[in-house]
Amino acid sequence: MLLVFDCDGVLVDSEPLACRIDAEFLTELGFPYTAQEITTQFVGVSLKDMMARIEAAHGRRLPDDFGERLNRTLFTRFETELQPIADIREAILALPHPRCVASSSTHDRIALSLRVTGLADLFANVFSASEVARGKPAPDLFLHAAARVGYAPDQCLVIEDSPAGVRAACAAGMRVIGFVGGGHCGPAHADKLRDAGAPVILERMADLPEMVRRFSSQTV
């Protein structure tokens, strides 16, 4: 069984910080959003797809250098403020299964996130939505990751925190665990992941090894 981890909100607790920065940037540019609106509408979505949706909603284009400027600010803040999800390193080390990362973020952002949180050594295989035509909720990224590592979809177990990611895993024919332990997850988040197709919800990464064992023995 291949374990497929999302990055933001699953490995690193980046979403509250990233959503605040996104909202600040967009509002300054005349595209008013709150951090909560960013969280609700765009968590789990690639930057390319987020920009396309914003431009369509407002009927005008974002600046050509928007992505570059946004990432520059994000990366600076991540260097000093980003933290791993509690107990994630210990949980991963307790699992004997092969693993990879499949994230909507760019390779640069994933690499930075894993480095500053001390998780980079745990993943030899890292995949970004920039490698595929369609980001989550399309299944392309998860199918791409599985094929590259050499596993069939039904041999994969995805750990995801966003409805878009859960829908992508289900569309790919993979099993999925919905994680609600990130700082952006409110009381209703578990229901959103269930509605997207997650059959089980994980609240603490300390419980991940036992949940994975249940999946591997087909008792979930």
N, C-alpha and C. Protein backbone atom coordinates (compact mmCIF):
# COMPACT_ATOMS: atom_id res chain seq x y z
N MET A 1 0.84 -1.20 0.00
CA MET A 1 0.00 0.00 0.00
C MET A 1 0.88 1.25 0.00
N LEU A 2 0.53 2.21 -0.87
CA LEU A 2 1.24 3.48 -0.95
C LEU A 2 0.45 4.53 -0.18
N LEU A 3 1.12 5.23 0.74
CA LEU A 3 0.51 6.34 1.46
C LEU A 3 0.79 7.63 0.69
N VAL A 4 -0.26 8.35 0.35
CA VAL A 4 -0.13 9.59 -0.42
C VAL A 4 -0.56 10.75 0.48
N PHE A 5 0.40 11.59 0.84
CA PHE A 5 0.12 12.71 1.74
C PHE A 5 -0.03 14.01 0.96
N ASP A 6 -1.12 14.73 1.22
CA ASP A 6 -1.15 16.13 0.86
C ASP A 6 -0.12 16.83 1.75
N CYS A 7 0.28 18.05 1.39
CA CYS A 7 1.27 18.77 2.18
C CYS A 7 0.62 19.82 3.09
N ASP A 8 0.05 20.87 2.51
CA ASP A 8 -0.51 21.95 3.30
C ASP A 8 -1.73 21.48 4.08
N GLY A 9 -1.67 21.61 5.40
CA GLY A 9 -2.78 21.20 6.24
C GLY A 9 -2.74 19.75 6.65
N VAL A 10 -1.79 18.99 6.11
CA VAL A 10 -1.64 17.57 6.47
C VAL A 10 -0.26 17.32 7.07
N LEU A 11 0.77 17.76 6.37
CA LEU A 11 2.14 17.65 6.89
C LEU A 11 2.55 18.91 7.63
N VAL A 12 2.18 20.05 7.09
CA VAL A 12 2.55 21.35 7.68
C VAL A 12 1.30 22.17 7.92
N ASP A 13 1.32 22.96 9.00
CA ASP A 13 0.13 23.74 9.36
C ASP A 13 0.19 25.12 8.72
N SER A 14 0.15 25.12 7.41
CA SER A 14 0.40 26.33 6.63
C SER A 14 -0.85 27.10 6.25
N GLU A 15 -2.01 26.47 6.28
CA GLU A 15 -3.19 27.10 5.69
C GLU A 15 -3.62 28.40 6.38
N PRO A 16 -3.64 28.49 7.71
CA PRO A 16 -4.05 29.78 8.31
C PRO A 16 -3.14 30.93 7.88
N LEU A 17 -1.84 30.70 7.88
CA LEU A 17 -0.88 31.73 7.47
C LEU A 17 -1.04 32.07 6.00
N ALA A 18 -1.10 31.05 5.15
CA ALA A 18 -1.20 31.27 3.71
C ALA A 18 -2.50 31.99 3.35
N CYS A 19 -3.60 31.62 3.98
CA CYS A 19 -4.88 32.26 3.66
C CYS A 19 -4.89 33.72 4.08
N ARG A 20 -4.26 34.05 5.20
CA ARG A 20 -4.17 35.46 5.61
C ARG A 20 -3.38 36.27 4.59
N ILE A 21 -2.25 35.72 4.15
CA ILE A 21 -1.42 36.43 3.19
C ILE A 21 -2.13 36.57 1.85
N ASP A 22 -2.79 35.51 1.39
CA ASP A 22 -3.56 35.59 0.15
C ASP A 22 -4.59 36.70 0.22
N ALA A 23 -5.33 36.75 1.33
CA ALA A 23 -6.39 37.74 1.47
C ALA A 23 -5.82 39.15 1.49
N GLU A 24 -4.71 39.36 2.19
CA GLU A 24 -4.08 40.67 2.25
C GLU A 24 -3.64 41.14 0.87
N PHE A 25 -2.98 40.25 0.13
CA PHE A 25 -2.50 40.60 -1.20
C PHE A 25 -3.66 40.95 -2.14
N LEU A 26 -4.65 40.09 -2.16
CA LEU A 26 -5.77 40.30 -3.08
C LEU A 26 -6.53 41.58 -2.76
N THR A 27 -6.75 41.83 -1.48
CA THR A 27 -7.48 43.03 -1.08
C THR A 27 -6.71 44.29 -1.47
N GLU A 28 -5.40 44.28 -1.29
CA GLU A 28 -4.58 45.43 -1.68
C GLU A 28 -4.67 45.69 -3.18
N LEU A 29 -4.88 44.65 -3.96
CA LEU A 29 -4.95 44.78 -5.41
C LEU A 29 -6.36 45.11 -5.91
N GLY A 30 -7.30 45.26 -4.98
CA GLY A 30 -8.66 45.58 -5.38
C GLY A 30 -9.53 44.36 -5.63
N PHE A 31 -9.09 43.21 -5.12
CA PHE A 31 -9.88 41.98 -5.18
C PHE A 31 -10.17 41.58 -3.74
N PRO A 32 -11.18 42.19 -3.12
CA PRO A 32 -11.36 42.02 -1.67
C PRO A 32 -11.78 40.61 -1.27
N TYR A 33 -10.98 40.00 -0.40
CA TYR A 33 -11.28 38.71 0.19
C TYR A 33 -10.86 38.74 1.65
N THR A 34 -11.59 38.01 2.47
CA THR A 34 -11.15 37.77 3.84
C THR A 34 -10.39 36.45 3.89
N ALA A 35 -9.64 36.26 4.96
CA ALA A 35 -8.93 34.99 5.13
C ALA A 35 -9.90 33.81 5.17
N GLN A 36 -11.08 34.03 5.79
CA GLN A 36 -12.06 32.96 5.87
C GLN A 36 -12.61 32.62 4.48
N GLU A 37 -12.81 33.62 3.64
CA GLU A 37 -13.28 33.35 2.28
C GLU A 37 -12.25 32.58 1.48
N ILE A 38 -10.98 32.93 1.65
CA ILE A 38 -9.92 32.17 0.98
C ILE A 38 -9.93 30.73 1.45
N THR A 39 -10.06 30.54 2.77
CA THR A 39 -10.09 29.19 3.33
C THR A 39 -11.24 28.39 2.75
N THR A 40 -12.41 29.00 2.71
CA THR A 40 -13.61 28.28 2.25
C THR A 40 -13.55 27.94 0.77
N GLN A 41 -13.04 28.87 -0.03
CA GLN A 41 -13.12 28.71 -1.48
C GLN A 41 -11.91 28.06 -2.12
N PHE A 42 -10.71 28.21 -1.51
CA PHE A 42 -9.52 27.87 -2.25
C PHE A 42 -8.54 26.92 -1.57
N VAL A 43 -8.79 26.51 -0.33
CA VAL A 43 -7.90 25.54 0.30
C VAL A 43 -7.93 24.24 -0.49
N GLY A 44 -6.74 23.72 -0.81
CA GLY A 44 -6.63 22.50 -1.60
C GLY A 44 -6.58 22.72 -3.09
N VAL A 45 -6.71 23.99 -3.52
CA VAL A 45 -6.73 24.32 -4.94
C VAL A 45 -5.37 24.91 -5.33
N SER A 46 -4.89 24.59 -6.51
CA SER A 46 -3.60 25.12 -6.96
C SER A 46 -3.68 26.63 -7.17
N LEU A 47 -2.52 27.29 -7.11
CA LEU A 47 -2.47 28.75 -7.32
C LEU A 47 -3.00 29.09 -8.71
N LYS A 48 -2.65 28.32 -9.71
CA LYS A 48 -3.13 28.58 -11.07
C LYS A 48 -4.65 28.56 -11.13
N ASP A 49 -5.26 27.55 -10.52
CA ASP A 49 -6.71 27.44 -10.55
C ASP A 49 -7.36 28.52 -9.69
N MET A 50 -6.74 28.86 -8.55
CA MET A 50 -7.28 29.93 -7.71
C MET A 50 -7.30 31.25 -8.48
N MET A 51 -6.20 31.56 -9.16
CA MET A 51 -6.13 32.80 -9.93
C MET A 51 -7.18 32.82 -11.03
N ALA A 52 -7.37 31.71 -11.71
CA ALA A 52 -8.36 31.65 -12.78
C ALA A 52 -9.77 31.88 -12.25
N ARG A 53 -10.07 31.31 -11.09
CA ARG A 53 -11.40 31.49 -10.51
C ARG A 53 -11.62 32.94 -10.07
N ILE A 54 -10.60 33.53 -9.47
CA ILE A 54 -10.71 34.92 -9.01
C ILE A 54 -10.91 35.85 -10.20
N GLU A 55 -10.14 35.65 -11.25
CA GLU A 55 -10.28 36.49 -12.44
C GLU A 55 -11.65 36.34 -13.07
N ALA A 56 -12.17 35.12 -13.10
CA ALA A 56 -13.50 34.90 -13.67
C ALA A 56 -14.58 35.56 -12.81
N ALA A 57 -14.42 35.47 -11.48
CA ALA A 57 -15.41 36.03 -10.58
C ALA A 57 -15.45 37.56 -10.65
N HIS A 58 -14.28 38.17 -10.88
CA HIS A 58 -14.20 39.63 -10.88
C HIS A 58 -14.19 40.23 -12.28
N GLY A 59 -14.10 39.41 -13.29
CA GLY A 59 -14.14 39.90 -14.66
C GLY A 59 -12.93 40.70 -15.08
N ARG A 60 -11.79 40.48 -14.43
CA ARG A 60 -10.55 41.16 -14.82
C ARG A 60 -9.36 40.35 -14.35
N ARG A 61 -8.23 40.66 -14.94
CA ARG A 61 -7.03 39.87 -14.69
C ARG A 61 -6.27 40.37 -13.47
N LEU A 62 -5.63 39.44 -12.81
CA LEU A 62 -4.66 39.78 -11.78
C LEU A 62 -3.37 40.23 -12.45
N PRO A 63 -2.51 40.97 -11.74
CA PRO A 63 -1.23 41.37 -12.33
C PRO A 63 -0.41 40.15 -12.78
N ASP A 64 0.35 40.33 -13.83
CA ASP A 64 1.14 39.23 -14.37
C ASP A 64 2.12 38.65 -13.36
N ASP A 65 2.59 39.48 -12.43
CA ASP A 65 3.57 39.01 -11.45
C ASP A 65 2.92 38.66 -10.11
N PHE A 66 1.61 38.47 -10.10
CA PHE A 66 0.91 38.18 -8.84
C PHE A 66 1.47 36.94 -8.16
N GLY A 67 1.57 35.85 -8.90
CA GLY A 67 2.04 34.60 -8.30
C GLY A 67 3.45 34.72 -7.75
N GLU A 68 4.31 35.39 -8.49
CA GLU A 68 5.69 35.56 -8.04
C GLU A 68 5.76 36.38 -6.76
N ARG A 69 5.03 37.49 -6.72
CA ARG A 69 5.04 38.35 -5.53
C ARG A 69 4.43 37.65 -4.33
N LEU A 70 3.33 36.94 -4.56
CA LEU A 70 2.68 36.22 -3.47
C LEU A 70 3.60 35.16 -2.88
N ASN A 71 4.22 34.37 -3.75
CA ASN A 71 5.10 33.32 -3.26
C ASN A 71 6.32 33.88 -2.53
N ARG A 72 6.82 35.01 -2.99
CA ARG A 72 7.96 35.61 -2.32
C ARG A 72 7.62 35.96 -0.87
N THR A 73 6.44 36.52 -0.67
CA THR A 73 6.00 36.86 0.68
C THR A 73 5.73 35.61 1.51
N LEU A 74 5.05 34.65 0.91
CA LEU A 74 4.78 33.39 1.61
C LEU A 74 6.07 32.72 2.06
N PHE A 75 7.03 32.63 1.17
CA PHE A 75 8.26 31.92 1.48
C PHE A 75 9.02 32.60 2.62
N THR A 76 9.01 33.93 2.62
CA THR A 76 9.69 34.66 3.69
C THR A 76 9.03 34.37 5.04
N ARG A 77 7.72 34.39 5.05
CA ARG A 77 7.00 34.12 6.30
C ARG A 77 7.14 32.66 6.73
N PHE A 78 7.12 31.74 5.76
CA PHE A 78 7.26 30.32 6.09
C PHE A 78 8.60 30.05 6.77
N GLU A 79 9.65 30.72 6.35
CA GLU A 79 10.99 30.47 6.91
C GLU A 79 11.00 30.63 8.42
N THR A 80 10.20 31.54 8.95
CA THR A 80 10.25 31.83 10.38
C THR A 80 9.00 31.40 11.15
N GLU A 81 7.89 31.17 10.44
CA GLU A 81 6.63 30.93 11.16
C GLU A 81 6.01 29.56 10.94
N LEU A 82 6.40 28.87 9.89
CA LEU A 82 5.73 27.61 9.56
C LEU A 82 6.08 26.50 10.56
N GLN A 83 5.06 25.74 10.96
CA GLN A 83 5.24 24.63 11.89
C GLN A 83 4.68 23.34 11.28
N PRO A 84 5.25 22.19 11.67
CA PRO A 84 4.66 20.93 11.21
C PRO A 84 3.36 20.65 11.95
N ILE A 85 2.53 19.83 11.36
CA ILE A 85 1.36 19.32 12.07
C ILE A 85 1.85 18.50 13.26
N ALA A 86 1.22 18.67 14.39
CA ALA A 86 1.64 17.98 15.61
C ALA A 86 1.69 16.46 15.41
N ASP A 87 2.80 15.86 15.83
CA ASP A 87 3.01 14.40 15.84
C ASP A 87 3.17 13.78 14.45
N ILE A 88 3.28 14.61 13.40
CA ILE A 88 3.33 14.03 12.06
C ILE A 88 4.60 13.21 11.83
N ARG A 89 5.75 13.70 12.27
CA ARG A 89 6.98 12.95 12.03
C ARG A 89 6.95 11.59 12.71
N GLU A 90 6.52 11.57 13.95
CA GLU A 90 6.47 10.31 14.68
C GLU A 90 5.46 9.34 14.04
N ALA A 91 4.34 9.89 13.58
CA ALA A 91 3.33 9.04 12.95
C ALA A 91 3.87 8.41 11.67
N ILE A 92 4.55 9.19 10.86
CA ILE A 92 5.10 8.66 9.60
C ILE A 92 6.16 7.60 9.88
N LEU A 93 7.02 7.87 10.82
CA LEU A 93 8.10 6.91 11.14
C LEU A 93 7.56 5.61 11.73
N ALA A 94 6.35 5.64 12.26
CA ALA A 94 5.75 4.44 12.82
C ALA A 94 5.08 3.57 11.76
N LEU A 95 5.03 4.06 10.53
CA LEU A 95 4.35 3.33 9.45
C LEU A 95 5.38 2.70 8.51
N PRO A 96 5.22 1.41 8.19
CA PRO A 96 6.20 0.73 7.34
C PRO A 96 5.97 0.89 5.85
N HIS A 97 4.91 1.57 5.45
CA HIS A 97 4.52 1.61 4.05
C HIS A 97 5.31 2.65 3.26
N PRO A 98 5.51 2.42 1.97
CA PRO A 98 6.08 3.47 1.11
C PRO A 98 5.16 4.68 1.09
N ARG A 99 5.73 5.85 0.82
CA ARG A 99 4.95 7.08 0.92
C ARG A 99 5.42 8.10 -0.10
N CYS A 100 4.56 9.06 -0.38
CA CYS A 100 4.92 10.18 -1.25
C CYS A 100 4.07 11.38 -0.87
N VAL A 101 4.43 12.53 -1.43
CA VAL A 101 3.66 13.75 -1.28
C VAL A 101 3.02 14.08 -2.63
N ALA A 102 1.74 14.47 -2.60
CA ALA A 102 1.05 14.93 -3.81
C ALA A 102 0.27 16.19 -3.42
N SER A 103 0.80 17.34 -3.79
CA SER A 103 0.29 18.62 -3.30
C SER A 103 -0.11 19.56 -4.43
N SER A 104 -1.08 20.42 -4.14
CA SER A 104 -1.47 21.45 -5.10
C SER A 104 -0.43 22.57 -5.19
N SER A 105 0.48 22.64 -4.22
CA SER A 105 1.50 23.69 -4.22
C SER A 105 2.57 23.44 -5.27
N THR A 106 3.37 24.48 -5.53
CA THR A 106 4.49 24.34 -6.45
C THR A 106 5.61 23.55 -5.79
N HIS A 107 6.54 23.05 -6.60
CA HIS A 107 7.67 22.30 -6.04
C HIS A 107 8.49 23.15 -5.08
N ASP A 108 8.69 24.42 -5.41
CA ASP A 108 9.48 25.28 -4.54
C ASP A 108 8.83 25.43 -3.17
N ARG A 109 7.53 25.62 -3.17
CA ARG A 109 6.83 25.79 -1.89
C ARG A 109 6.82 24.48 -1.09
N ILE A 110 6.61 23.35 -1.76
CA ILE A 110 6.63 22.07 -1.05
C ILE A 110 8.00 21.83 -0.43
N ALA A 111 9.06 22.05 -1.21
CA ALA A 111 10.42 21.82 -0.71
C ALA A 111 10.71 22.71 0.48
N LEU A 112 10.33 23.98 0.41
CA LEU A 112 10.54 24.89 1.52
C LEU A 112 9.77 24.43 2.75
N SER A 113 8.51 24.07 2.56
CA SER A 113 7.67 23.64 3.68
C SER A 113 8.26 22.42 4.39
N LEU A 114 8.71 21.45 3.63
CA LEU A 114 9.27 20.24 4.22
C LEU A 114 10.61 20.53 4.90
N ARG A 115 11.38 21.41 4.31
CA ARG A 115 12.70 21.73 4.89
C ARG A 115 12.58 22.44 6.22
N VAL A 116 11.77 23.50 6.27
CA VAL A 116 11.73 24.30 7.49
C VAL A 116 11.03 23.57 8.64
N THR A 117 10.23 22.56 8.31
CA THR A 117 9.55 21.80 9.36
C THR A 117 10.26 20.49 9.69
N GLY A 118 11.40 20.25 9.07
CA GLY A 118 12.19 19.06 9.39
C GLY A 118 11.63 17.76 8.88
N LEU A 119 10.87 17.81 7.78
CA LEU A 119 10.24 16.61 7.23
C LEU A 119 10.83 16.17 5.89
N ALA A 120 11.76 16.94 5.35
CA ALA A 120 12.24 16.68 3.99
C ALA A 120 12.85 15.30 3.84
N ASP A 121 13.51 14.81 4.88
CA ASP A 121 14.19 13.52 4.78
C ASP A 121 13.22 12.34 4.72
N LEU A 122 11.94 12.58 4.98
CA LEU A 122 10.97 11.49 5.02
C LEU A 122 10.39 11.15 3.65
N PHE A 123 10.62 12.00 2.65
CA PHE A 123 9.95 11.81 1.36
C PHE A 123 10.94 11.87 0.20
N ALA A 124 11.11 10.72 -0.45
CA ALA A 124 11.94 10.66 -1.64
C ALA A 124 11.15 11.04 -2.89
N ASN A 125 9.83 10.90 -2.82
CA ASN A 125 8.97 11.17 -3.97
C ASN A 125 7.99 12.28 -3.63
N VAL A 126 8.10 13.40 -4.35
CA VAL A 126 7.25 14.56 -4.12
C VAL A 126 6.67 15.01 -5.47
N PHE A 127 5.36 15.19 -5.52
CA PHE A 127 4.68 15.55 -6.77
C PHE A 127 3.84 16.79 -6.56
N SER A 128 3.84 17.65 -7.58
CA SER A 128 3.12 18.92 -7.55
C SER A 128 2.06 18.96 -8.63
N ALA A 129 0.98 19.71 -8.36
CA ALA A 129 -0.06 19.89 -9.37
C ALA A 129 0.46 20.58 -10.62
N SER A 130 1.63 21.23 -10.51
CA SER A 130 2.22 21.86 -11.70
C SER A 130 2.64 20.83 -12.74
N GLU A 131 2.68 19.56 -12.37
CA GLU A 131 3.09 18.50 -13.30
C GLU A 131 1.94 17.95 -14.13
N VAL A 132 0.71 18.33 -13.81
CA VAL A 132 -0.45 17.76 -14.50
C VAL A 132 -1.33 18.86 -15.07
N ALA A 133 -2.22 18.48 -15.97
CA ALA A 133 -3.07 19.46 -16.65
C ALA A 133 -4.13 20.04 -15.72
N ARG A 134 -4.68 19.20 -14.87
CA ARG A 134 -5.77 19.64 -13.99
C ARG A 134 -5.42 19.37 -12.54
N GLY A 135 -5.62 20.38 -11.70
CA GLY A 135 -5.39 20.20 -10.27
C GLY A 135 -6.60 19.60 -9.58
N LYS A 136 -6.49 19.39 -8.28
CA LYS A 136 -7.61 18.90 -7.48
C LYS A 136 -8.77 19.89 -7.61
N PRO A 137 -10.01 19.42 -7.72
CA PRO A 137 -10.53 18.08 -7.43
C PRO A 137 -10.44 17.06 -8.55
N ALA A 138 -9.81 17.38 -9.66
CA ALA A 138 -9.58 16.37 -10.69
C ALA A 138 -8.61 15.31 -10.14
N PRO A 139 -8.67 14.09 -10.63
CA PRO A 139 -7.83 13.02 -10.09
C PRO A 139 -6.42 12.99 -10.64
N ASP A 140 -6.08 13.89 -11.57
CA ASP A 140 -4.84 13.81 -12.33
C ASP A 140 -3.59 13.69 -11.46
N LEU A 141 -3.48 14.53 -10.43
CA LEU A 141 -2.26 14.53 -9.62
C LEU A 141 -2.08 13.22 -8.88
N PHE A 142 -3.13 12.71 -8.28
CA PHE A 142 -3.00 11.45 -7.55
C PHE A 142 -2.70 10.28 -8.48
N LEU A 143 -3.32 10.26 -9.64
CA LEU A 143 -3.04 9.19 -10.60
C LEU A 143 -1.60 9.29 -11.09
N HIS A 144 -1.13 10.50 -11.32
CA HIS A 144 0.25 10.73 -11.75
C HIS A 144 1.23 10.24 -10.69
N ALA A 145 0.99 10.58 -9.43
CA ALA A 145 1.88 10.18 -8.35
C ALA A 145 1.92 8.66 -8.21
N ALA A 146 0.77 8.03 -8.24
CA ALA A 146 0.72 6.58 -8.11
C ALA A 146 1.46 5.89 -9.24
N ALA A 147 1.25 6.37 -10.46
CA ALA A 147 1.91 5.76 -11.61
C ALA A 147 3.42 5.91 -11.53
N ARG A 148 3.88 7.09 -11.10
CA ARG A 148 5.32 7.33 -11.01
C ARG A 148 5.98 6.45 -9.95
N VAL A 149 5.29 6.20 -8.86
CA VAL A 149 5.87 5.38 -7.80
C VAL A 149 5.64 3.89 -8.07
N GLY A 150 4.66 3.57 -8.93
CA GLY A 150 4.47 2.19 -9.33
C GLY A 150 3.35 1.46 -8.61
N TYR A 151 2.27 2.17 -8.29
CA TYR A 151 1.15 1.56 -7.58
C TYR A 151 -0.14 1.81 -8.35
N ALA A 152 -1.03 0.81 -8.31
CA ALA A 152 -2.36 0.98 -8.88
C ALA A 152 -3.19 1.86 -7.95
N PRO A 153 -4.19 2.56 -8.46
CA PRO A 153 -5.01 3.41 -7.60
C PRO A 153 -5.60 2.70 -6.39
N ASP A 154 -6.07 1.46 -6.58
CA ASP A 154 -6.69 0.76 -5.46
C ASP A 154 -5.68 0.27 -4.42
N GLN A 155 -4.40 0.50 -4.68
CA GLN A 155 -3.36 0.19 -3.70
C GLN A 155 -2.91 1.42 -2.92
N CYS A 156 -3.59 2.55 -3.12
CA CYS A 156 -3.19 3.82 -2.51
C CYS A 156 -4.16 4.26 -1.42
N LEU A 157 -3.61 4.88 -0.39
CA LEU A 157 -4.40 5.50 0.66
C LEU A 157 -3.95 6.95 0.79
N VAL A 158 -4.88 7.87 0.56
CA VAL A 158 -4.59 9.30 0.55
C VAL A 158 -4.98 9.91 1.90
N ILE A 159 -4.14 10.80 2.40
CA ILE A 159 -4.46 11.57 3.60
C ILE A 159 -4.63 13.01 3.18
N GLU A 160 -5.85 13.54 3.32
CA GLU A 160 -6.22 14.84 2.78
C GLU A 160 -7.00 15.67 3.79
N ASP A 161 -6.83 16.98 3.72
CA ASP A 161 -7.54 17.88 4.62
C ASP A 161 -8.59 18.73 3.92
N SER A 162 -8.63 18.74 2.60
CA SER A 162 -9.55 19.63 1.89
C SER A 162 -10.62 18.84 1.14
N PRO A 163 -11.81 19.40 1.01
CA PRO A 163 -12.84 18.74 0.20
C PRO A 163 -12.37 18.49 -1.24
N ALA A 164 -11.64 19.46 -1.82
CA ALA A 164 -11.15 19.27 -3.18
C ALA A 164 -10.21 18.06 -3.26
N GLY A 165 -9.35 17.91 -2.26
CA GLY A 165 -8.43 16.79 -2.24
C GLY A 165 -9.13 15.46 -2.04
N VAL A 166 -10.13 15.45 -1.17
CA VAL A 166 -10.90 14.22 -0.95
C VAL A 166 -11.63 13.82 -2.23
N ARG A 167 -12.24 14.79 -2.90
CA ARG A 167 -12.93 14.48 -4.16
C ARG A 167 -11.94 13.96 -5.20
N ALA A 168 -10.75 14.53 -5.24
CA ALA A 168 -9.73 14.07 -6.19
C ALA A 168 -9.34 12.63 -5.91
N ALA A 169 -9.16 12.28 -4.64
CA ALA A 169 -8.79 10.91 -4.29
C ALA A 169 -9.90 9.93 -4.67
N CYS A 170 -11.13 10.31 -4.38
CA CYS A 170 -12.26 9.44 -4.73
C CYS A 170 -12.37 9.27 -6.25
N ALA A 171 -12.18 10.37 -6.99
CA ALA A 171 -12.25 10.30 -8.45
C ALA A 171 -11.13 9.44 -9.01
N ALA A 172 -10.01 9.36 -8.30
CA ALA A 172 -8.89 8.54 -8.74
C ALA A 172 -9.07 7.07 -8.39
N GLY A 173 -10.11 6.74 -7.65
CA GLY A 173 -10.34 5.36 -7.24
C GLY A 173 -9.47 4.93 -6.08
N MET A 174 -9.06 5.89 -5.26
CA MET A 174 -8.20 5.61 -4.11
C MET A 174 -8.99 5.73 -2.82
N ARG A 175 -8.54 5.01 -1.80
CA ARG A 175 -9.11 5.19 -0.48
C ARG A 175 -8.57 6.47 0.13
N VAL A 176 -9.33 7.04 1.07
CA VAL A 176 -8.94 8.36 1.58
C VAL A 176 -9.33 8.50 3.04
N ILE A 177 -8.44 9.16 3.79
CA ILE A 177 -8.69 9.56 5.16
C ILE A 177 -8.80 11.08 5.18
N GLY A 178 -9.85 11.60 5.80
CA GLY A 178 -10.01 13.05 5.93
C GLY A 178 -9.39 13.52 7.23
N PHE A 179 -8.48 14.48 7.15
CA PHE A 179 -7.78 14.98 8.33
C PHE A 179 -8.29 16.36 8.72
N VAL A 180 -8.62 16.54 10.00
CA VAL A 180 -9.20 17.80 10.47
C VAL A 180 -8.38 18.43 11.59
N GLY A 181 -7.09 18.09 11.68
CA GLY A 181 -6.26 18.61 12.76
C GLY A 181 -5.50 19.87 12.44
N GLY A 182 -5.65 20.42 11.23
CA GLY A 182 -4.95 21.64 10.86
C GLY A 182 -5.58 22.87 11.49
N GLY A 183 -4.81 23.95 11.57
CA GLY A 183 -5.29 25.17 12.20
C GLY A 183 -6.44 25.84 11.49
N HIS A 184 -6.68 25.50 10.24
CA HIS A 184 -7.76 26.12 9.47
C HIS A 184 -9.07 25.36 9.59
N CYS A 185 -9.08 24.23 10.26
CA CYS A 185 -10.26 23.36 10.30
C CYS A 185 -11.19 23.76 11.43
N GLY A 186 -12.36 24.25 11.08
CA GLY A 186 -13.35 24.61 12.07
C GLY A 186 -14.23 23.42 12.44
N PRO A 187 -15.26 23.65 13.28
CA PRO A 187 -16.11 22.56 13.75
C PRO A 187 -16.85 21.82 12.64
N ALA A 188 -17.15 22.52 11.54
CA ALA A 188 -17.92 21.90 10.45
C ALA A 188 -17.04 21.21 9.42
N HIS A 189 -15.71 21.26 9.60
CA HIS A 189 -14.82 20.76 8.55
C HIS A 189 -14.97 19.25 8.33
N ALA A 190 -15.16 18.51 9.41
CA ALA A 190 -15.31 17.06 9.27
C ALA A 190 -16.50 16.72 8.38
N ASP A 191 -17.61 17.44 8.56
CA ASP A 191 -18.79 17.18 7.73
C ASP A 191 -18.52 17.49 6.27
N LYS A 192 -17.73 18.55 6.01
CA LYS A 192 -17.38 18.89 4.63
C LYS A 192 -16.58 17.77 3.98
N LEU A 193 -15.66 17.18 4.74
CA LEU A 193 -14.85 16.09 4.19
C LEU A 193 -15.69 14.83 3.99
N ARG A 194 -16.59 14.57 4.91
CA ARG A 194 -17.50 13.42 4.73
C ARG A 194 -18.37 13.61 3.49
N ASP A 195 -18.90 14.82 3.34
CA ASP A 195 -19.74 15.10 2.17
C ASP A 195 -18.95 14.95 0.87
N ALA A 196 -17.65 15.23 0.92
CA ALA A 196 -16.81 15.09 -0.27
C ALA A 196 -16.46 13.64 -0.57
N GLY A 197 -16.67 12.75 0.42
CA GLY A 197 -16.43 11.34 0.17
C GLY A 197 -15.50 10.63 1.12
N ALA A 198 -15.00 11.33 2.15
CA ALA A 198 -14.09 10.68 3.10
C ALA A 198 -14.89 9.76 4.04
N PRO A 199 -14.58 8.46 4.07
CA PRO A 199 -15.35 7.54 4.91
C PRO A 199 -14.99 7.62 6.38
N VAL A 200 -13.78 8.07 6.68
CA VAL A 200 -13.35 8.19 8.07
C VAL A 200 -12.64 9.53 8.25
N ILE A 201 -12.66 10.03 9.48
CA ILE A 201 -12.07 11.33 9.81
C ILE A 201 -11.00 11.12 10.89
N LEU A 202 -9.86 11.72 10.66
CA LEU A 202 -8.73 11.67 11.59
C LEU A 202 -8.56 13.04 12.24
N GLU A 203 -8.59 13.07 13.56
CA GLU A 203 -8.46 14.34 14.28
C GLU A 203 -7.04 14.61 14.73
N ARG A 204 -6.26 13.57 15.02
CA ARG A 204 -4.89 13.73 15.52
C ARG A 204 -3.95 12.82 14.75
N MET A 205 -2.80 13.34 14.34
CA MET A 205 -1.85 12.51 13.62
C MET A 205 -1.30 11.38 14.48
N ALA A 206 -1.35 11.51 15.79
CA ALA A 206 -0.90 10.43 16.67
C ALA A 206 -1.72 9.16 16.44
N ASP A 207 -2.94 9.32 15.92
CA ASP A 207 -3.80 8.16 15.67
C ASP A 207 -3.67 7.61 14.25
N LEU A 208 -2.84 8.24 13.42
CA LEU A 208 -2.72 7.79 12.03
C LEU A 208 -2.21 6.36 11.90
N PRO A 209 -1.16 5.95 12.62
CA PRO A 209 -0.67 4.57 12.43
C PRO A 209 -1.75 3.52 12.65
N GLU A 210 -2.55 3.67 13.69
CA GLU A 210 -3.61 2.70 13.95
C GLU A 210 -4.67 2.74 12.85
N MET A 211 -5.02 3.92 12.37
CA MET A 211 -6.02 4.01 11.32
C MET A 211 -5.51 3.38 10.03
N VAL A 212 -4.24 3.60 9.70
CA VAL A 212 -3.66 2.98 8.50
C VAL A 212 -3.64 1.46 8.64
N ARG A 213 -3.33 0.97 9.83
CA ARG A 213 -3.35 -0.49 10.04
C ARG A 213 -4.74 -1.05 9.80
N ARG A 214 -5.76 -0.33 10.21
CA ARG A 214 -7.12 -0.78 9.97
C ARG A 214 -7.45 -0.81 8.49
N PHE A 215 -7.00 0.20 7.75
CA PHE A 215 -7.19 0.20 6.30
C PHE A 215 -6.47 -0.97 5.66
N SER A 216 -5.23 -1.20 6.09
CA SER A 216 -4.43 -2.26 5.45
C SER A 216 -4.98 -3.65 5.73
N SER A 217 -5.73 -3.78 6.83
CA SER A 217 -6.35 -5.07 7.14
C SER A 217 -7.79 -5.15 6.64
N GLN A 218 -8.23 -4.07 5.92
CA GLN A 218 -9.55 -4.03 5.29
C GLN A 218 -10.69 -4.07 6.32
N THR A 219 -10.46 -3.50 7.51
CA THR A 219 -11.51 -3.49 8.51
C THR A 219 -12.20 -2.14 8.62
N VAL A 220 -11.76 -1.16 7.81
CA VAL A 220 -12.45 0.14 7.81
C VAL A 220 -13.46 0.15 6.67
